[in-house]
Amino acid sequence: MVYKEIELLEGGNKLPVMEEFYTLQGEGYNTGKAAYFVRIGGCDVGCAWCDSKETWNAELFPPVPVHEVVKRVANQPAKTIVVTGGEPSAYPLEIFTMELKSEGITTMVETSGAYHLTGEWDWICLSPKKNSPPVKEIYNRADELKVIIQKDSDLKWAEKNAALVSSSCHLFLQPEWSVSKQIMDKLTQYVMDNPRWRISLQTHKYMGIP
């Protein structure tokens, strides 16, 4: 669940940050690039295969001032942040991204698009979920569409979403980790048959990094 006591967020001056760490992006278009990750707690989308279920209850993570987070990001060699969750679009992010941009930090976000996404973003990775489909406006803003594939019917879901993004949006199919070995051959063939798609792997899990 997202943070209910929204007044405690002080209009976006505070956010319920679950964790933050400096690492390499492990998935999608920016795989292999160094970035500072900030995981915001709170999500009510409820994917059964979610590998971050501990983020779902935002009230477990007391709001922290965003200016403190910005300082930590600015102290890293790579001036790039990836905001993930949970579900970032559930929160007011204008102040956070404004402060990040004032420090010359490249802003990236990973979102299901379930809510109206606020803030100024250099890169938007849209990862749509059937449980709570994206709001219409996010499709034209997405730089990257990353669809998690667990079973054959998810490919139809992927194509449905691909039809809604812009022609410049990068398209990725990502095998759900627990069944990746079983479906990899099928996904490989699918991309060879439909080459506008690319495969995204969770390389950080292979490398043993956050």
N, C-alpha and C. Protein backbone atom coordinates (compact mmCIF):
# COMPACT_ATOMS: atom_id res chain seq x y z
N MET A 1 0.83 -1.18 0.00
CA MET A 1 0.00 0.00 0.00
C MET A 1 0.87 1.24 0.00
N VAL A 2 0.38 2.29 -0.62
CA VAL A 2 1.13 3.54 -0.67
C VAL A 2 0.93 4.29 0.64
N TYR A 3 1.72 5.33 0.82
CA TYR A 3 1.70 6.07 2.08
C TYR A 3 0.39 6.85 2.20
N LYS A 4 -0.40 6.54 3.22
CA LYS A 4 -1.72 7.14 3.37
C LYS A 4 -1.66 8.56 3.93
N GLU A 5 -0.76 8.79 4.87
CA GLU A 5 -0.69 10.10 5.51
C GLU A 5 0.14 11.05 4.65
N ILE A 6 -0.46 11.44 3.52
CA ILE A 6 0.26 12.19 2.49
C ILE A 6 0.76 13.53 3.02
N GLU A 7 0.10 14.08 4.03
CA GLU A 7 0.54 15.37 4.57
C GLU A 7 1.93 15.27 5.22
N LEU A 8 2.30 14.08 5.66
CA LEU A 8 3.61 13.89 6.27
C LEU A 8 4.73 13.94 5.24
N LEU A 9 4.36 13.88 3.97
CA LEU A 9 5.37 13.99 2.91
C LEU A 9 5.70 15.44 2.59
N GLU A 10 4.97 16.36 3.20
CA GLU A 10 5.24 17.80 3.06
C GLU A 10 5.31 18.23 1.60
N GLY A 11 4.32 17.79 0.83
CA GLY A 11 4.22 18.19 -0.57
C GLY A 11 5.30 17.62 -1.46
N GLY A 12 6.02 16.63 -0.97
CA GLY A 12 7.10 16.03 -1.75
C GLY A 12 8.48 16.38 -1.22
N ASN A 13 8.55 17.14 -0.13
CA ASN A 13 9.84 17.41 0.50
C ASN A 13 10.38 16.18 1.23
N LYS A 14 9.48 15.23 1.49
CA LYS A 14 9.89 13.97 2.09
C LYS A 14 9.27 12.82 1.29
N LEU A 15 9.94 11.68 1.31
CA LEU A 15 9.45 10.48 0.63
C LEU A 15 9.76 9.26 1.50
N PRO A 16 8.92 8.21 1.43
CA PRO A 16 9.17 7.00 2.20
C PRO A 16 10.22 6.11 1.51
N VAL A 17 11.48 6.47 1.68
CA VAL A 17 12.57 5.74 1.02
C VAL A 17 12.82 4.43 1.76
N MET A 18 12.75 3.32 1.03
CA MET A 18 13.02 2.02 1.62
C MET A 18 14.52 1.76 1.68
N GLU A 19 15.21 2.03 0.56
CA GLU A 19 16.65 1.81 0.52
C GLU A 19 17.25 2.64 -0.61
N GLU A 20 18.56 2.83 -0.52
CA GLU A 20 19.29 3.54 -1.58
C GLU A 20 20.70 2.97 -1.62
N PHE A 21 21.25 2.86 -2.84
CA PHE A 21 22.57 2.26 -2.99
C PHE A 21 23.13 2.61 -4.36
N TYR A 22 24.45 2.58 -4.44
CA TYR A 22 25.16 2.87 -5.68
C TYR A 22 25.59 1.54 -6.31
N THR A 23 25.22 1.33 -7.57
CA THR A 23 25.48 0.05 -8.22
C THR A 23 25.45 0.23 -9.73
N LEU A 24 25.29 -0.87 -10.45
CA LEU A 24 25.11 -0.83 -11.90
C LEU A 24 23.66 -1.16 -12.24
N GLN A 25 23.15 -0.48 -13.24
CA GLN A 25 21.82 -0.83 -13.75
C GLN A 25 21.90 -2.23 -14.33
N GLY A 26 21.00 -3.10 -13.88
CA GLY A 26 21.06 -4.50 -14.30
C GLY A 26 20.11 -4.88 -15.41
N GLU A 27 19.16 -3.99 -15.75
CA GLU A 27 18.10 -4.38 -16.68
C GLU A 27 17.89 -3.33 -17.77
N GLY A 28 17.32 -3.78 -18.88
CA GLY A 28 16.82 -2.87 -19.89
C GLY A 28 17.88 -2.12 -20.68
N TYR A 29 17.47 -1.00 -21.23
CA TYR A 29 18.30 -0.23 -22.16
C TYR A 29 19.61 0.22 -21.55
N ASN A 30 19.59 0.60 -20.29
CA ASN A 30 20.79 1.17 -19.64
C ASN A 30 21.60 0.15 -18.86
N THR A 31 21.44 -1.12 -19.18
CA THR A 31 22.19 -2.17 -18.51
C THR A 31 23.69 -1.89 -18.51
N GLY A 32 24.31 -2.07 -17.34
CA GLY A 32 25.75 -1.91 -17.21
C GLY A 32 26.21 -0.54 -16.81
N LYS A 33 25.31 0.45 -16.81
CA LYS A 33 25.68 1.81 -16.44
C LYS A 33 25.60 2.00 -14.93
N ALA A 34 26.57 2.74 -14.38
CA ALA A 34 26.56 3.04 -12.96
C ALA A 34 25.47 4.06 -12.64
N ALA A 35 24.81 3.85 -11.51
CA ALA A 35 23.74 4.76 -11.10
C ALA A 35 23.47 4.59 -9.61
N TYR A 36 22.91 5.62 -9.02
CA TYR A 36 22.48 5.59 -7.62
C TYR A 36 21.00 5.24 -7.61
N PHE A 37 20.66 4.13 -6.97
CA PHE A 37 19.28 3.66 -6.94
C PHE A 37 18.59 4.12 -5.65
N VAL A 38 17.39 4.63 -5.81
CA VAL A 38 16.55 4.99 -4.67
C VAL A 38 15.24 4.24 -4.82
N ARG A 39 14.96 3.37 -3.85
CA ARG A 39 13.73 2.58 -3.89
C ARG A 39 12.72 3.18 -2.92
N ILE A 40 11.61 3.66 -3.47
CA ILE A 40 10.56 4.26 -2.67
C ILE A 40 9.56 3.18 -2.25
N GLY A 41 9.23 3.16 -0.97
CA GLY A 41 8.30 2.16 -0.47
C GLY A 41 6.86 2.48 -0.82
N GLY A 42 6.10 1.42 -1.01
CA GLY A 42 4.68 1.58 -1.26
C GLY A 42 4.26 1.15 -2.64
N CYS A 43 3.42 0.12 -2.72
CA CYS A 43 2.88 -0.32 -4.01
C CYS A 43 1.61 -1.11 -3.76
N ASP A 44 0.57 -0.81 -4.53
CA ASP A 44 -0.68 -1.56 -4.40
C ASP A 44 -1.05 -2.26 -5.71
N VAL A 45 -0.05 -2.42 -6.58
CA VAL A 45 -0.30 -3.14 -7.84
C VAL A 45 -0.41 -4.64 -7.57
N GLY A 46 0.48 -5.17 -6.71
CA GLY A 46 0.33 -6.53 -6.21
C GLY A 46 0.67 -7.66 -7.15
N CYS A 47 1.78 -7.56 -7.88
CA CYS A 47 2.18 -8.65 -8.78
C CYS A 47 2.64 -9.86 -7.96
N ALA A 48 2.10 -11.04 -8.26
CA ALA A 48 2.42 -12.24 -7.49
C ALA A 48 3.90 -12.58 -7.56
N TRP A 49 4.55 -12.27 -8.69
CA TRP A 49 5.95 -12.63 -8.87
C TRP A 49 6.92 -11.52 -8.48
N CYS A 50 6.43 -10.45 -7.90
CA CYS A 50 7.28 -9.32 -7.53
C CYS A 50 8.45 -9.77 -6.67
N ASP A 51 9.67 -9.30 -7.02
CA ASP A 51 10.84 -9.67 -6.23
C ASP A 51 11.18 -8.59 -5.20
N SER A 52 10.27 -7.64 -5.01
CA SER A 52 10.48 -6.58 -4.01
C SER A 52 9.22 -6.40 -3.16
N LYS A 53 8.60 -7.51 -2.77
CA LYS A 53 7.36 -7.43 -2.00
C LYS A 53 7.54 -6.71 -0.67
N GLU A 54 8.77 -6.69 -0.18
CA GLU A 54 9.02 -6.00 1.08
C GLU A 54 8.81 -4.50 0.96
N THR A 55 8.67 -4.00 -0.25
CA THR A 55 8.44 -2.57 -0.45
C THR A 55 6.97 -2.20 -0.39
N TRP A 56 6.09 -3.17 -0.43
CA TRP A 56 4.68 -2.87 -0.65
C TRP A 56 4.06 -1.96 0.41
N ASN A 57 4.38 -2.21 1.68
CA ASN A 57 3.78 -1.41 2.76
C ASN A 57 4.64 -0.19 3.05
N ALA A 58 4.25 0.93 2.50
CA ALA A 58 5.04 2.17 2.62
C ALA A 58 5.16 2.65 4.05
N GLU A 59 4.18 2.31 4.89
CA GLU A 59 4.19 2.82 6.24
C GLU A 59 5.28 2.18 7.11
N LEU A 60 5.98 1.21 6.55
CA LEU A 60 7.13 0.64 7.24
C LEU A 60 8.37 1.52 7.08
N PHE A 61 8.28 2.51 6.20
CA PHE A 61 9.45 3.33 5.88
C PHE A 61 9.13 4.81 6.14
N PRO A 62 9.56 5.33 7.29
CA PRO A 62 9.28 6.72 7.63
C PRO A 62 9.82 7.67 6.57
N PRO A 63 9.08 8.71 6.21
CA PRO A 63 9.53 9.67 5.20
C PRO A 63 10.84 10.34 5.59
N VAL A 64 11.72 10.51 4.61
CA VAL A 64 13.01 11.17 4.83
C VAL A 64 13.09 12.40 3.92
N PRO A 65 13.80 13.44 4.34
CA PRO A 65 13.92 14.65 3.52
C PRO A 65 14.62 14.35 2.20
N VAL A 66 14.06 14.82 1.09
CA VAL A 66 14.65 14.51 -0.21
C VAL A 66 15.99 15.21 -0.41
N HIS A 67 16.19 16.35 0.25
CA HIS A 67 17.46 17.06 0.05
C HIS A 67 18.64 16.24 0.59
N GLU A 68 18.36 15.40 1.61
CA GLU A 68 19.42 14.54 2.13
C GLU A 68 19.78 13.46 1.12
N VAL A 69 18.77 12.94 0.45
CA VAL A 69 19.01 11.92 -0.58
C VAL A 69 19.78 12.53 -1.75
N VAL A 70 19.39 13.73 -2.14
CA VAL A 70 20.06 14.42 -3.26
C VAL A 70 21.54 14.59 -2.96
N LYS A 71 21.89 14.94 -1.74
CA LYS A 71 23.30 15.09 -1.36
C LYS A 71 24.07 13.80 -1.57
N ARG A 72 23.45 12.69 -1.18
CA ARG A 72 24.14 11.41 -1.32
C ARG A 72 24.31 11.03 -2.78
N VAL A 73 23.33 11.34 -3.60
CA VAL A 73 23.45 11.06 -5.03
C VAL A 73 24.57 11.90 -5.63
N ALA A 74 24.61 13.17 -5.28
CA ALA A 74 25.59 14.10 -5.84
C ALA A 74 27.02 13.73 -5.48
N ASN A 75 27.20 12.96 -4.41
CA ASN A 75 28.54 12.57 -3.97
C ASN A 75 29.08 11.35 -4.70
N GLN A 76 28.27 10.77 -5.59
CA GLN A 76 28.71 9.57 -6.31
C GLN A 76 29.40 9.95 -7.62
N PRO A 77 30.32 9.10 -8.10
CA PRO A 77 31.01 9.38 -9.37
C PRO A 77 30.06 9.53 -10.55
N ALA A 78 29.06 8.65 -10.62
CA ALA A 78 28.08 8.73 -11.71
C ALA A 78 26.93 9.63 -11.28
N LYS A 79 26.72 10.69 -11.99
CA LYS A 79 25.67 11.65 -11.63
C LYS A 79 24.35 11.23 -12.27
N THR A 80 23.92 10.02 -11.91
CA THR A 80 22.67 9.46 -12.44
C THR A 80 21.91 8.78 -11.31
N ILE A 81 20.61 9.01 -11.27
CA ILE A 81 19.77 8.34 -10.29
C ILE A 81 18.71 7.51 -11.01
N VAL A 82 18.41 6.34 -10.45
CA VAL A 82 17.28 5.53 -10.90
C VAL A 82 16.31 5.45 -9.72
N VAL A 83 15.12 5.99 -9.90
CA VAL A 83 14.10 5.95 -8.86
C VAL A 83 13.16 4.80 -9.18
N THR A 84 13.01 3.90 -8.23
CA THR A 84 12.20 2.71 -8.45
C THR A 84 11.37 2.45 -7.20
N GLY A 85 10.77 1.28 -7.11
CA GLY A 85 9.91 1.04 -5.95
C GLY A 85 9.73 -0.43 -5.67
N GLY A 86 8.57 -0.70 -5.04
CA GLY A 86 7.41 0.14 -4.91
C GLY A 86 6.94 0.73 -6.24
N GLU A 87 6.13 1.77 -6.10
CA GLU A 87 5.62 2.45 -7.28
C GLU A 87 5.81 3.96 -7.14
N PRO A 88 6.85 4.50 -7.78
CA PRO A 88 7.17 5.92 -7.65
C PRO A 88 6.04 6.86 -8.06
N SER A 89 5.24 6.46 -9.04
CA SER A 89 4.21 7.37 -9.54
C SER A 89 3.11 7.65 -8.53
N ALA A 90 3.14 6.96 -7.40
CA ALA A 90 2.13 7.19 -6.36
C ALA A 90 2.45 8.43 -5.52
N TYR A 91 3.60 9.06 -5.79
CA TYR A 91 4.06 10.15 -4.93
C TYR A 91 4.36 11.43 -5.71
N PRO A 92 4.31 12.59 -5.02
CA PRO A 92 4.68 13.86 -5.66
C PRO A 92 6.21 13.95 -5.78
N LEU A 93 6.72 13.98 -7.00
CA LEU A 93 8.16 13.91 -7.21
C LEU A 93 8.75 15.17 -7.83
N GLU A 94 7.95 16.24 -7.93
CA GLU A 94 8.45 17.47 -8.54
C GLU A 94 9.63 18.06 -7.77
N ILE A 95 9.50 18.16 -6.45
CA ILE A 95 10.56 18.77 -5.65
C ILE A 95 11.82 17.93 -5.71
N PHE A 96 11.67 16.62 -5.60
CA PHE A 96 12.80 15.71 -5.64
C PHE A 96 13.58 15.86 -6.94
N THR A 97 12.88 15.80 -8.06
CA THR A 97 13.58 15.88 -9.35
C THR A 97 14.13 17.29 -9.60
N MET A 98 13.44 18.31 -9.11
CA MET A 98 13.94 19.68 -9.27
C MET A 98 15.29 19.83 -8.56
N GLU A 99 15.39 19.30 -7.36
CA GLU A 99 16.65 19.38 -6.62
C GLU A 99 17.74 18.54 -7.28
N LEU A 100 17.37 17.39 -7.80
CA LEU A 100 18.33 16.54 -8.50
C LEU A 100 18.87 17.25 -9.74
N LYS A 101 17.97 17.85 -10.52
CA LYS A 101 18.40 18.54 -11.74
C LYS A 101 19.28 19.74 -11.43
N SER A 102 19.02 20.40 -10.30
CA SER A 102 19.84 21.55 -9.91
C SER A 102 21.28 21.14 -9.60
N GLU A 103 21.49 19.85 -9.31
CA GLU A 103 22.82 19.32 -9.06
C GLU A 103 23.43 18.68 -10.31
N GLY A 104 22.74 18.81 -11.44
CA GLY A 104 23.24 18.25 -12.69
C GLY A 104 23.12 16.74 -12.77
N ILE A 105 22.17 16.18 -12.05
CA ILE A 105 22.00 14.73 -11.99
C ILE A 105 20.99 14.27 -13.05
N THR A 106 21.34 13.25 -13.79
CA THR A 106 20.44 12.65 -14.77
C THR A 106 19.39 11.83 -14.03
N THR A 107 18.12 12.08 -14.34
CA THR A 107 17.03 11.45 -13.60
C THR A 107 16.36 10.36 -14.44
N MET A 108 16.30 9.17 -13.86
CA MET A 108 15.64 8.04 -14.51
C MET A 108 14.64 7.44 -13.52
N VAL A 109 13.56 6.91 -14.06
CA VAL A 109 12.54 6.32 -13.20
C VAL A 109 12.04 5.03 -13.83
N GLU A 110 11.70 4.07 -12.97
CA GLU A 110 11.08 2.82 -13.39
C GLU A 110 9.69 2.77 -12.77
N THR A 111 8.68 2.68 -13.61
CA THR A 111 7.30 2.79 -13.13
C THR A 111 6.38 1.84 -13.88
N SER A 112 5.33 1.42 -13.19
CA SER A 112 4.28 0.64 -13.84
C SER A 112 3.33 1.55 -14.60
N GLY A 113 3.41 2.85 -14.28
CA GLY A 113 2.51 3.82 -14.92
C GLY A 113 1.11 3.79 -14.38
N ALA A 114 0.95 3.19 -13.21
CA ALA A 114 -0.40 3.05 -12.65
C ALA A 114 -1.02 4.38 -12.25
N TYR A 115 -0.17 5.37 -11.97
CA TYR A 115 -0.65 6.69 -11.57
C TYR A 115 0.01 7.77 -12.44
N HIS A 116 -0.50 8.97 -12.32
CA HIS A 116 0.09 10.11 -13.03
C HIS A 116 1.50 10.36 -12.50
N LEU A 117 2.49 10.30 -13.38
CA LEU A 117 3.88 10.47 -12.99
C LEU A 117 4.25 11.95 -12.99
N THR A 118 4.72 12.42 -11.83
CA THR A 118 5.14 13.82 -11.71
C THR A 118 6.66 13.91 -11.71
N GLY A 119 7.18 15.10 -11.91
CA GLY A 119 8.61 15.32 -11.89
C GLY A 119 9.20 15.46 -13.28
N GLU A 120 10.47 15.83 -13.32
CA GLU A 120 11.19 16.02 -14.58
C GLU A 120 12.16 14.86 -14.78
N TRP A 121 11.96 14.09 -15.84
CA TRP A 121 12.71 12.85 -16.04
C TRP A 121 13.45 12.85 -17.37
N ASP A 122 14.71 12.41 -17.31
CA ASP A 122 15.51 12.26 -18.52
C ASP A 122 15.24 10.91 -19.18
N TRP A 123 14.78 9.94 -18.39
CA TRP A 123 14.52 8.61 -18.93
C TRP A 123 13.39 7.97 -18.14
N ILE A 124 12.37 7.51 -18.85
CA ILE A 124 11.23 6.83 -18.22
C ILE A 124 11.15 5.41 -18.75
N CYS A 125 11.33 4.46 -17.83
CA CYS A 125 11.15 3.05 -18.16
C CYS A 125 9.76 2.64 -17.69
N LEU A 126 8.90 2.32 -18.63
CA LEU A 126 7.54 1.89 -18.32
C LEU A 126 7.48 0.37 -18.31
N SER A 127 7.09 -0.18 -17.17
CA SER A 127 6.95 -1.63 -17.05
C SER A 127 5.51 -1.94 -16.64
N PRO A 128 4.61 -2.05 -17.61
CA PRO A 128 3.17 -2.15 -17.33
C PRO A 128 2.79 -3.47 -16.68
N LYS A 129 1.81 -3.41 -15.79
CA LYS A 129 1.33 -4.58 -15.08
C LYS A 129 -0.17 -4.77 -15.33
N LYS A 130 -0.57 -6.01 -15.58
CA LYS A 130 -1.97 -6.30 -15.88
C LYS A 130 -2.88 -5.94 -14.71
N ASN A 131 -2.39 -6.13 -13.48
CA ASN A 131 -3.22 -5.89 -12.29
C ASN A 131 -3.71 -4.45 -12.21
N SER A 132 -2.88 -3.53 -12.70
CA SER A 132 -3.21 -2.11 -12.64
C SER A 132 -2.60 -1.42 -13.85
N PRO A 133 -3.27 -1.45 -14.99
CA PRO A 133 -2.71 -0.95 -16.25
C PRO A 133 -2.31 0.51 -16.18
N PRO A 134 -1.38 0.92 -17.04
CA PRO A 134 -0.90 2.30 -17.04
C PRO A 134 -1.99 3.31 -17.39
N VAL A 135 -1.84 4.51 -16.84
CA VAL A 135 -2.69 5.60 -17.27
C VAL A 135 -2.29 5.97 -18.70
N LYS A 136 -3.24 6.45 -19.46
CA LYS A 136 -3.03 6.66 -20.89
C LYS A 136 -1.87 7.60 -21.20
N GLU A 137 -1.71 8.64 -20.39
CA GLU A 137 -0.74 9.70 -20.69
C GLU A 137 0.72 9.24 -20.64
N ILE A 138 1.00 8.14 -19.92
CA ILE A 138 2.40 7.73 -19.74
C ILE A 138 2.99 7.11 -21.00
N TYR A 139 2.15 6.59 -21.88
CA TYR A 139 2.67 5.86 -23.04
C TYR A 139 3.54 6.74 -23.94
N ASN A 140 3.10 7.93 -24.24
CA ASN A 140 3.88 8.81 -25.11
C ASN A 140 5.13 9.37 -24.45
N ARG A 141 5.20 9.27 -23.12
CA ARG A 141 6.37 9.76 -22.39
C ARG A 141 7.45 8.70 -22.24
N ALA A 142 7.10 7.44 -22.43
CA ALA A 142 8.03 6.34 -22.15
C ALA A 142 9.18 6.30 -23.15
N ASP A 143 10.40 6.23 -22.63
CA ASP A 143 11.59 6.04 -23.46
C ASP A 143 11.85 4.56 -23.68
N GLU A 144 11.34 3.76 -22.77
CA GLU A 144 11.61 2.32 -22.77
C GLU A 144 10.38 1.59 -22.26
N LEU A 145 9.99 0.54 -22.96
CA LEU A 145 8.91 -0.32 -22.52
C LEU A 145 9.52 -1.67 -22.15
N LYS A 146 9.39 -2.05 -20.90
CA LYS A 146 9.98 -3.31 -20.42
C LYS A 146 8.86 -4.16 -19.84
N VAL A 147 8.52 -5.24 -20.54
CA VAL A 147 7.40 -6.08 -20.13
C VAL A 147 7.94 -7.39 -19.56
N ILE A 148 7.49 -7.72 -18.35
CA ILE A 148 7.90 -8.95 -17.69
C ILE A 148 7.07 -10.10 -18.25
N ILE A 149 7.76 -11.15 -18.69
CA ILE A 149 7.08 -12.30 -19.30
C ILE A 149 7.22 -13.53 -18.39
N GLN A 150 6.08 -14.04 -17.96
CA GLN A 150 6.05 -15.24 -17.13
C GLN A 150 5.41 -16.42 -17.85
N LYS A 151 4.45 -16.11 -18.74
CA LYS A 151 3.75 -17.15 -19.49
C LYS A 151 3.39 -16.61 -20.88
N ASP A 152 2.94 -17.50 -21.75
CA ASP A 152 2.69 -17.13 -23.14
C ASP A 152 1.73 -15.95 -23.30
N SER A 153 0.70 -15.89 -22.47
CA SER A 153 -0.30 -14.83 -22.61
C SER A 153 0.30 -13.45 -22.35
N ASP A 154 1.43 -13.40 -21.65
CA ASP A 154 2.08 -12.11 -21.38
C ASP A 154 2.62 -11.47 -22.66
N LEU A 155 2.87 -12.29 -23.67
CA LEU A 155 3.35 -11.73 -24.94
C LEU A 155 2.25 -10.91 -25.61
N LYS A 156 1.01 -11.33 -25.47
CA LYS A 156 -0.10 -10.54 -26.01
C LYS A 156 -0.21 -9.21 -25.26
N TRP A 157 0.00 -9.26 -23.96
CA TRP A 157 0.00 -8.04 -23.15
C TRP A 157 1.11 -7.10 -23.60
N ALA A 158 2.27 -7.68 -23.89
CA ALA A 158 3.40 -6.88 -24.36
C ALA A 158 3.07 -6.17 -25.66
N GLU A 159 2.49 -6.89 -26.59
CA GLU A 159 2.15 -6.30 -27.89
C GLU A 159 1.06 -5.23 -27.75
N LYS A 160 0.13 -5.46 -26.85
CA LYS A 160 -0.92 -4.47 -26.62
C LYS A 160 -0.33 -3.14 -26.16
N ASN A 161 0.66 -3.22 -25.27
CA ASN A 161 1.30 -2.01 -24.76
C ASN A 161 2.24 -1.39 -25.80
N ALA A 162 2.90 -2.23 -26.58
CA ALA A 162 3.81 -1.72 -27.62
C ALA A 162 3.07 -0.90 -28.66
N ALA A 163 1.80 -1.22 -28.86
CA ALA A 163 1.00 -0.49 -29.83
C ALA A 163 0.65 0.92 -29.35
N LEU A 164 0.88 1.20 -28.08
CA LEU A 164 0.47 2.48 -27.50
C LEU A 164 1.63 3.44 -27.27
N VAL A 165 2.88 2.94 -27.27
CA VAL A 165 4.02 3.82 -27.04
C VAL A 165 4.44 4.49 -28.33
N SER A 166 5.33 5.47 -28.23
CA SER A 166 5.79 6.18 -29.41
C SER A 166 6.72 5.31 -30.25
N SER A 167 6.94 5.70 -31.48
CA SER A 167 7.78 4.91 -32.39
C SER A 167 9.25 4.91 -31.95
N SER A 168 9.65 5.88 -31.13
CA SER A 168 11.04 5.96 -30.67
C SER A 168 11.29 5.18 -29.38
N CYS A 169 10.24 4.63 -28.80
CA CYS A 169 10.37 3.90 -27.54
C CYS A 169 11.07 2.56 -27.77
N HIS A 170 12.03 2.22 -26.92
CA HIS A 170 12.76 0.96 -27.02
C HIS A 170 11.94 -0.15 -26.35
N LEU A 171 11.83 -1.29 -27.02
CA LEU A 171 10.96 -2.37 -26.56
C LEU A 171 11.78 -3.54 -26.02
N PHE A 172 11.44 -3.97 -24.79
CA PHE A 172 12.15 -5.07 -24.16
C PHE A 172 11.18 -6.09 -23.57
N LEU A 173 11.53 -7.36 -23.75
CA LEU A 173 10.86 -8.46 -23.07
C LEU A 173 11.82 -8.99 -22.02
N GLN A 174 11.35 -9.11 -20.79
CA GLN A 174 12.22 -9.59 -19.71
C GLN A 174 11.62 -10.82 -19.07
N PRO A 175 12.32 -11.96 -19.13
CA PRO A 175 11.79 -13.17 -18.50
C PRO A 175 11.70 -13.01 -16.99
N GLU A 176 10.57 -13.40 -16.44
CA GLU A 176 10.43 -13.39 -14.98
C GLU A 176 11.44 -14.37 -14.39
N TRP A 177 12.19 -13.93 -13.41
CA TRP A 177 13.39 -14.63 -12.95
C TRP A 177 13.14 -16.10 -12.60
N SER A 178 12.05 -16.40 -11.92
CA SER A 178 11.82 -17.76 -11.43
C SER A 178 11.55 -18.77 -12.54
N VAL A 179 11.15 -18.28 -13.73
CA VAL A 179 10.86 -19.20 -14.84
C VAL A 179 11.73 -18.91 -16.05
N SER A 180 12.78 -18.13 -15.85
CA SER A 180 13.59 -17.68 -16.98
C SER A 180 14.19 -18.84 -17.79
N LYS A 181 14.64 -19.88 -17.12
CA LYS A 181 15.25 -21.00 -17.84
C LYS A 181 14.23 -21.73 -18.71
N GLN A 182 13.01 -21.83 -18.20
CA GLN A 182 11.97 -22.55 -18.94
C GLN A 182 11.48 -21.79 -20.18
N ILE A 183 11.47 -20.46 -20.11
CA ILE A 183 10.88 -19.70 -21.22
C ILE A 183 11.91 -19.02 -22.12
N MET A 184 13.19 -19.17 -21.80
CA MET A 184 14.20 -18.44 -22.55
C MET A 184 14.22 -18.80 -24.03
N ASP A 185 14.09 -20.09 -24.33
CA ASP A 185 14.11 -20.49 -25.75
C ASP A 185 12.95 -19.85 -26.51
N LYS A 186 11.78 -19.83 -25.88
CA LYS A 186 10.60 -19.26 -26.53
C LYS A 186 10.77 -17.75 -26.75
N LEU A 187 11.32 -17.07 -25.75
CA LEU A 187 11.53 -15.63 -25.89
C LEU A 187 12.59 -15.33 -26.94
N THR A 188 13.62 -16.15 -26.97
CA THR A 188 14.66 -15.97 -27.98
C THR A 188 14.07 -16.07 -29.38
N GLN A 189 13.26 -17.07 -29.60
CA GLN A 189 12.63 -17.25 -30.90
C GLN A 189 11.67 -16.12 -31.21
N TYR A 190 10.95 -15.66 -30.19
CA TYR A 190 9.98 -14.59 -30.40
C TYR A 190 10.67 -13.32 -30.88
N VAL A 191 11.80 -13.00 -30.28
CA VAL A 191 12.52 -11.79 -30.68
C VAL A 191 13.12 -11.95 -32.07
N MET A 192 13.57 -13.14 -32.41
CA MET A 192 14.08 -13.37 -33.77
C MET A 192 12.96 -13.22 -34.79
N ASP A 193 11.75 -13.61 -34.41
CA ASP A 193 10.60 -13.48 -35.31
C ASP A 193 10.02 -12.07 -35.30
N ASN A 194 10.26 -11.34 -34.22
CA ASN A 194 9.73 -9.99 -34.06
C ASN A 194 10.87 -9.06 -33.62
N PRO A 195 11.77 -8.72 -34.52
CA PRO A 195 13.04 -8.07 -34.16
C PRO A 195 12.94 -6.64 -33.66
N ARG A 196 11.76 -6.07 -33.61
CA ARG A 196 11.67 -4.75 -32.98
C ARG A 196 11.83 -4.86 -31.46
N TRP A 197 11.63 -6.07 -30.95
CA TRP A 197 11.81 -6.34 -29.53
C TRP A 197 13.27 -6.73 -29.25
N ARG A 198 13.70 -6.50 -28.00
CA ARG A 198 14.98 -6.99 -27.52
C ARG A 198 14.75 -7.70 -26.20
N ILE A 199 15.71 -8.53 -25.80
CA ILE A 199 15.62 -9.23 -24.52
C ILE A 199 16.32 -8.40 -23.44
N SER A 200 15.69 -8.29 -22.31
CA SER A 200 16.30 -7.69 -21.12
C SER A 200 16.50 -8.80 -20.09
N LEU A 201 17.72 -8.93 -19.60
CA LEU A 201 18.02 -9.90 -18.56
C LEU A 201 18.37 -9.17 -17.26
N GLN A 202 18.08 -9.80 -16.15
CA GLN A 202 18.43 -9.22 -14.85
C GLN A 202 19.89 -9.55 -14.55
N THR A 203 20.78 -8.82 -15.23
CA THR A 203 22.21 -9.15 -15.16
C THR A 203 22.77 -8.96 -13.76
N HIS A 204 22.18 -8.08 -12.96
CA HIS A 204 22.67 -7.88 -11.60
C HIS A 204 22.54 -9.14 -10.76
N LYS A 205 21.54 -9.97 -11.07
CA LYS A 205 21.39 -11.22 -10.33
C LYS A 205 22.47 -12.23 -10.72
N TYR A 206 22.85 -12.20 -11.98
CA TYR A 206 23.96 -13.05 -12.41
C TYR A 206 25.29 -12.58 -11.81
N MET A 207 25.43 -11.26 -11.67
CA MET A 207 26.67 -10.69 -11.15
C MET A 207 26.74 -10.68 -9.62
N GLY A 208 25.61 -10.91 -8.98
CA GLY A 208 25.59 -10.90 -7.53
C GLY A 208 25.72 -9.52 -6.91
N ILE A 209 25.12 -8.50 -7.58
CA ILE A 209 25.15 -7.14 -7.07
C ILE A 209 23.72 -6.68 -6.83
N PRO A 210 23.52 -5.60 -6.04
CA PRO A 210 22.16 -5.12 -5.77
C PRO A 210 21.42 -4.73 -7.03
